[in-house]
Amino acid sequence: MANYIHVPESAPVVPKLDVTVDEHDYRPAALQLIKALRPHWKPTEVKMKTFTDGITNKLIGCYEGGAQEDVVLVRIYGNKTELFVDRDNEVKSFQVLHAHRCAPRLYCTFNNGLCYEFLEGVALEPEHIRNPAIFRLIARQMAKYHAIHAHNGWVPRSDLWHTMSKYFSLVPTRFDNLEKNQRLSSQVPSPVCLREELLWLQQSLSKLDSPVVLCHNDLLCKNIIYQQAGECSGSSTCAGKTGHSKPIGALGGIGLVGGERQDVSLPQISSSATQAYSHWLELFCVSG
């Protein structure tokens, strides 16, 4: 049994740059990254656009002048996210998915983030995924994820219970900030309640003998990128659209971005534990 991710020998080497990007004043350090990745770009002509400014990371698109055919995405990790996201595994997952044409190319990592390839597409909304033509593409792409063997012949072992236990070890019991403390007590079940639910889930799911596969683990609508066949090809007319994935198939393409990719049992269970984690994550990541 194995719970590590094996990167194919043919995968490109990902350089690690000794650069730290300030999320509030990111341009100087981002230009250092661009100098290493695109040395022919003129620093004075490099433009930057913020795509996301969430609680878990900030995503910046960098390009030269008015040409957006080549955009380098700079992802800055959010405050304290390294405590519950295995960054080494994240990079390995990125490489494995790219090798299977399921992710863009990873250009480099740096002290508090990574840089990768931008490819045009539209981040979906709930109304889009109701379209049969689109949700079939989503299902096909998810199946492609689940079919990837990333363990060099070993039988994969689920990381689910280890990961959940790690989350519990980080759960705060109180905050000095009164407003946050009130939200913690009113919106998040007690640790005792959550541990009882986790034990019930582990006992119930372990009996299913479900396949253990590579999963996305954060499949929000905004993490699903769609591009119609032929749309925006070689053009900068789609500047208002964002995306990270190549088109797949005649009807267009679906790419899955974001998430902490790891091996988990195939059934996806919705519970108060996942809702509680979402509330806790927002509280924890924005605290000092």
Protein backbone atom coordinates (compact mmCIF):
# COMPACT_ATOMS: atom_id res chain seq x y z
CA MET A 1 0.00 0.00 0.00
CA ALA A 2 1.24 3.53 -0.74
CA ASN A 3 0.04 7.05 -0.07
CA TYR A 4 2.83 8.89 -1.89
CA ILE A 5 2.57 10.27 -5.43
CA HIS A 6 5.04 9.06 -8.04
CA VAL A 7 6.06 11.68 -10.59
CA PRO A 8 6.83 10.23 -14.05
CA GLU A 9 10.52 10.33 -14.96
CA SER A 10 9.60 12.15 -18.17
CA ALA A 11 8.02 15.05 -16.26
CA PRO A 12 9.89 18.38 -16.61
CA VAL A 13 11.98 19.44 -13.62
CA VAL A 14 10.25 22.22 -11.68
CA PRO A 15 12.76 24.81 -10.41
CA LYS A 16 12.44 26.25 -6.90
CA LEU A 17 13.15 30.00 -6.80
CA ASP A 18 14.21 31.69 -3.56
CA VAL A 19 11.63 34.45 -3.83
CA THR A 20 8.94 35.47 -1.33
CA VAL A 21 5.96 37.42 -2.69
CA ASP A 22 4.14 39.89 -0.46
CA GLU A 23 0.43 39.39 -1.12
CA HIS A 24 -0.23 43.09 -0.42
CA ASP A 25 2.66 44.42 -2.51
CA TYR A 26 3.29 41.61 -4.96
CA ARG A 27 4.67 43.42 -8.01
CA PRO A 28 8.40 43.70 -7.04
CA ALA A 29 8.79 40.00 -6.19
CA ALA A 30 6.51 38.92 -9.05
CA LEU A 31 8.84 40.74 -11.43
CA GLN A 32 11.74 38.69 -10.04
CA LEU A 33 9.83 35.55 -10.95
CA ILE A 34 9.00 36.87 -14.42
CA LYS A 35 12.66 37.78 -14.99
CA ALA A 36 13.55 34.12 -14.41
CA LEU A 37 10.67 32.67 -16.42
CA ARG A 38 10.42 35.26 -19.23
CA PRO A 39 13.85 36.99 -19.39
CA HIS A 40 12.99 38.63 -22.73
CA TRP A 41 10.05 40.56 -21.23
CA LYS A 42 10.66 44.22 -20.39
CA PRO A 43 9.83 44.81 -16.69
CA THR A 44 8.33 48.22 -17.41
CA GLU A 45 5.85 46.64 -19.86
CA VAL A 46 4.75 43.77 -17.61
CA LYS A 47 1.11 44.12 -16.58
CA MET A 48 -0.54 42.26 -13.73
CA LYS A 49 -4.17 41.37 -13.14
CA THR A 50 -5.67 39.88 -9.98
CA PHE A 51 -7.92 36.95 -10.84
CA THR A 52 -8.78 35.85 -7.31
CA ASP A 53 -8.27 37.31 -3.87
CA GLY A 54 -9.64 34.56 -1.66
CA ILE A 55 -8.92 33.28 1.82
CA THR A 56 -6.70 30.42 0.67
CA ASN A 57 -4.62 32.04 -2.07
CA LYS A 58 -4.22 35.03 -4.38
CA LEU A 59 -3.88 34.48 -8.12
CA ILE A 60 -2.11 37.05 -10.31
CA GLY A 61 -1.90 36.98 -14.11
CA CYS A 62 1.28 38.50 -15.58
CA TYR A 63 1.70 39.41 -19.25
CA GLU A 64 3.71 41.80 -21.39
CA GLY A 65 2.11 44.85 -22.99
CA GLY A 66 -1.27 44.22 -24.56
CA ALA A 67 -0.50 40.68 -25.69
CA GLN A 68 -2.31 38.10 -23.59
CA GLU A 69 -1.38 35.02 -25.60
CA ASP A 70 1.32 34.26 -23.02
CA VAL A 71 0.16 34.82 -19.44
CA VAL A 72 2.08 33.53 -16.42
CA LEU A 73 -0.09 32.81 -13.39
CA VAL A 74 1.45 33.52 -9.99
CA ARG A 75 -0.36 31.84 -7.12
CA ILE A 76 0.47 33.22 -3.66
CA TYR A 77 -0.38 30.86 -0.84
CA GLY A 78 -2.80 32.14 1.79
CA ASN A 79 -2.01 32.80 5.44
CA LYS A 80 -1.23 29.56 7.34
CA THR A 81 -2.49 27.30 4.57
CA GLU A 82 0.78 25.35 4.71
CA LEU A 83 -0.47 23.89 8.02
CA PHE A 84 -3.16 21.85 6.32
CA VAL A 85 -2.04 21.60 2.67
CA ASP A 86 0.91 19.35 1.80
CA ARG A 87 2.71 21.64 -0.65
CA ASP A 88 5.15 18.93 -1.81
CA ASN A 89 2.27 16.64 -2.71
CA GLU A 90 0.51 19.55 -4.41
CA VAL A 91 3.48 20.06 -6.73
CA LYS A 92 3.76 16.32 -7.43
CA SER A 93 0.04 16.15 -8.19
CA PHE A 94 0.39 19.09 -10.57
CA GLN A 95 3.20 17.29 -12.42
CA VAL A 96 1.28 14.01 -12.62
CA LEU A 97 -1.87 15.73 -13.90
CA HIS A 98 0.11 17.68 -16.50
CA ALA A 99 1.70 14.44 -17.70
CA HIS A 100 -1.84 13.10 -18.28
CA ARG A 101 -3.03 16.29 -20.03
CA CYS A 102 -5.24 17.20 -17.09
CA ALA A 103 -3.43 20.33 -15.90
CA PRO A 104 -1.42 23.24 -17.31
CA ARG A 105 2.37 23.29 -17.14
CA LEU A 106 3.96 24.16 -13.80
CA TYR A 107 6.76 26.66 -14.42
CA CYS A 108 8.30 26.94 -10.95
CA THR A 109 7.68 27.09 -7.24
CA PHE A 110 8.81 29.84 -4.90
CA ASN A 111 8.90 30.26 -1.13
CA ASN A 112 5.19 30.97 -0.73
CA GLY A 113 3.60 29.92 -4.00
CA LEU A 114 3.98 28.66 -7.53
CA CYS A 115 3.80 29.83 -11.16
CA TYR A 116 2.01 27.99 -13.92
CA GLU A 117 0.61 28.23 -17.42
CA PHE A 118 -2.54 30.18 -18.25
CA LEU A 119 -4.91 28.90 -20.93
CA GLU A 120 -8.19 30.53 -21.87
CA GLY A 121 -11.54 29.38 -20.56
CA VAL A 122 -14.61 30.41 -18.58
CA ALA A 123 -15.09 29.67 -14.88
CA LEU A 124 -18.53 28.09 -14.65
CA GLU A 125 -21.59 29.15 -12.67
CA PRO A 126 -24.30 26.82 -11.28
CA GLU A 127 -26.55 27.45 -14.28
CA HIS A 128 -23.82 26.28 -16.65
CA ILE A 129 -23.32 22.87 -15.05
CA ARG A 130 -27.01 22.08 -15.55
CA ASN A 131 -26.33 21.99 -19.30
CA PRO A 132 -26.19 18.28 -20.32
CA ALA A 133 -23.43 18.94 -22.86
CA ILE A 134 -21.29 20.55 -20.16
CA PHE A 135 -21.97 18.23 -17.23
CA ARG A 136 -21.12 15.25 -19.42
CA LEU A 137 -17.74 16.84 -20.12
CA ILE A 138 -17.26 17.40 -16.39
CA ALA A 139 -18.06 13.76 -15.65
CA ARG A 140 -15.64 12.64 -18.37
CA GLN A 141 -12.84 14.79 -16.96
CA MET A 142 -13.48 13.57 -13.42
CA ALA A 143 -13.35 9.98 -14.65
CA LYS A 144 -10.01 10.76 -16.28
CA TYR A 145 -8.71 12.01 -12.91
CA HIS A 146 -9.94 8.88 -11.16
CA ALA A 147 -8.28 6.61 -13.73
CA ILE A 148 -4.79 8.06 -13.20
CA HIS A 149 -2.39 5.62 -11.52
CA ALA A 150 0.13 7.77 -9.68
CA HIS A 151 1.81 5.22 -7.42
CA ASN A 152 4.29 3.40 -9.67
CA GLY A 153 2.43 0.09 -9.46
CA TRP A 154 1.64 0.20 -5.74
CA VAL A 155 -1.94 -0.10 -4.49
CA PRO A 156 -2.96 3.37 -3.27
CA ARG A 157 -3.98 3.96 0.34
CA SER A 158 -6.51 6.61 1.26
CA ASP A 159 -5.28 9.82 2.89
CA LEU A 160 -8.78 10.80 4.00
CA TRP A 161 -8.67 9.86 7.69
CA HIS A 162 -5.10 11.06 8.18
CA THR A 163 -6.00 14.39 6.57
CA MET A 164 -9.16 14.79 8.66
CA SER A 165 -7.21 14.03 11.83
CA LYS A 166 -4.66 16.65 10.86
CA TYR A 167 -7.47 19.20 10.42
CA PHE A 168 -8.82 18.38 13.88
CA SER A 169 -5.40 18.92 15.46
CA LEU A 170 -5.47 22.48 14.12
CA VAL A 171 -8.99 23.41 15.19
CA PRO A 172 -8.86 26.35 17.65
CA THR A 173 -11.03 26.28 20.77
CA ARG A 174 -11.37 30.05 20.99
CA PHE A 175 -10.28 33.36 19.45
CA ASP A 176 -9.25 36.57 21.19
CA ASN A 177 -11.40 38.45 18.69
CA LEU A 178 -14.93 38.46 20.15
CA GLU A 179 -16.68 38.46 16.76
CA LYS A 180 -14.68 35.47 15.54
CA ASN A 181 -15.22 33.70 18.84
CA GLN A 182 -18.98 34.18 18.51
CA ARG A 183 -18.93 32.79 14.96
CA LEU A 184 -16.87 29.81 16.12
CA SER A 185 -19.34 28.93 18.85
CA SER A 186 -22.47 29.56 16.79
CA GLN A 187 -21.49 28.15 13.37
CA VAL A 188 -19.05 25.33 14.14
CA PRO A 189 -20.13 22.20 16.03
CA SER A 190 -18.11 21.28 19.10
CA PRO A 191 -14.93 19.19 18.69
CA VAL A 192 -16.65 16.33 20.55
CA CYS A 193 -19.55 16.36 18.08
CA LEU A 194 -17.25 16.48 15.08
CA ARG A 195 -15.02 13.67 16.35
CA GLU A 196 -18.07 11.48 16.93
CA GLU A 197 -19.21 12.17 13.38
CA LEU A 198 -15.75 11.47 11.98
CA LEU A 199 -15.62 8.15 13.83
CA TRP A 200 -19.05 7.24 12.45
CA LEU A 201 -17.97 8.13 8.92
CA GLN A 202 -14.76 6.12 9.23
CA GLN A 203 -16.56 3.07 10.57
CA SER A 204 -19.30 3.29 7.93
CA LEU A 205 -17.16 4.05 4.87
CA SER A 206 -14.38 1.60 5.69
CA LYS A 207 -16.86 -1.24 5.26
CA LEU A 208 -17.64 -0.29 1.66
CA ASP A 209 -14.28 -1.43 0.28
CA SER A 210 -14.53 1.45 -2.18
CA PRO A 211 -11.80 2.03 -4.78
CA VAL A 212 -9.15 4.56 -3.72
CA VAL A 213 -8.47 7.03 -6.51
CA LEU A 214 -6.87 10.40 -7.20
CA CYS A 215 -9.56 12.99 -6.44
CA HIS A 216 -9.90 16.75 -6.80
CA ASN A 217 -11.42 17.42 -3.36
CA ASP A 218 -12.61 20.98 -4.01
CA LEU A 219 -14.92 20.79 -7.02
CA LEU A 220 -16.62 24.16 -6.76
CA CYS A 221 -18.21 25.65 -9.88
CA LYS A 222 -15.45 28.28 -10.09
CA ASN A 223 -12.86 25.49 -10.19
CA ILE A 224 -14.39 24.10 -13.39
CA ILE A 225 -13.04 25.80 -16.51
CA TYR A 226 -14.82 25.49 -19.85
CA GLN A 227 -13.79 26.43 -23.36
CA GLN A 228 -15.89 25.90 -26.46
CA ALA A 229 -14.12 24.36 -29.43
CA GLY A 230 -12.30 27.09 -31.37
CA GLU A 231 -13.11 29.80 -28.84
CA CYS A 232 -10.38 32.40 -28.17
CA SER A 233 -7.82 30.40 -30.12
CA GLY A 234 -4.75 32.58 -30.66
CA SER A 235 -6.67 35.72 -29.80
CA SER A 236 -6.60 38.32 -27.05
CA THR A 237 -10.29 39.19 -27.48
CA CYS A 238 -11.26 37.08 -24.45
CA ALA A 239 -9.36 39.17 -21.92
CA GLY A 240 -12.30 39.22 -19.55
CA LYS A 241 -12.39 35.45 -19.30
CA THR A 242 -10.25 33.41 -16.97
CA GLY A 243 -9.10 29.84 -17.16
CA HIS A 244 -6.31 27.37 -16.75
CA SER A 245 -7.01 24.41 -18.99
CA LYS A 246 -6.75 23.08 -22.53
CA PRO A 247 -9.83 22.15 -24.56
CA ILE A 248 -10.68 18.47 -24.76
CA GLY A 249 -12.99 16.98 -27.38
CA ALA A 250 -15.10 18.34 -30.18
CA LEU A 251 -17.70 19.99 -27.95
CA GLY A 252 -15.09 21.97 -26.11
CA GLY A 253 -13.04 21.31 -23.02
CA ILE A 254 -13.34 21.03 -19.26
CA GLY A 255 -10.46 21.60 -16.89
CA LEU A 256 -10.54 21.15 -13.12
CA VAL A 257 -8.41 23.63 -11.15
CA GLY A 258 -7.85 24.41 -7.49
CA GLY A 259 -8.31 21.80 -4.80
CA GLU A 260 -5.86 19.66 -2.86
CA ARG A 261 -5.48 16.60 -5.03
CA GLN A 262 -4.83 13.41 -3.09
CA ASP A 263 -6.01 9.82 -2.78
CA VAL A 264 -9.38 9.34 -1.14
CA SER A 265 -12.12 6.77 -1.24
CA LEU A 266 -14.40 7.32 -4.20
CA PRO A 267 -17.74 8.04 -2.39
CA GLN A 268 -18.15 11.74 -1.57
CA ILE A 269 -20.01 12.27 1.72
CA SER A 270 -21.68 15.58 2.57
CA SER A 271 -21.81 16.18 6.32
CA SER A 272 -21.77 18.89 8.96
CA ALA A 273 -18.04 18.20 9.28
CA THR A 274 -17.36 19.61 5.81
CA GLN A 275 -19.51 22.67 6.51
CA ALA A 276 -17.77 23.19 9.84
CA TYR A 277 -14.37 22.95 8.18
CA SER A 278 -15.41 25.62 5.68
CA HIS A 279 -16.41 28.00 8.48
CA TRP A 280 -13.26 27.22 10.47
CA LEU A 281 -11.02 27.67 7.42
CA GLU A 282 -12.35 31.18 6.85
CA LEU A 283 -11.83 32.08 10.50
CA PHE A 284 -8.39 30.51 10.77
CA CYS A 285 -6.84 31.76 7.54
CA VAL A 286 -7.61 35.41 8.15
CA SER A 287 -6.37 35.40 11.75
CA GLY A 288 -2.89 36.57 12.53
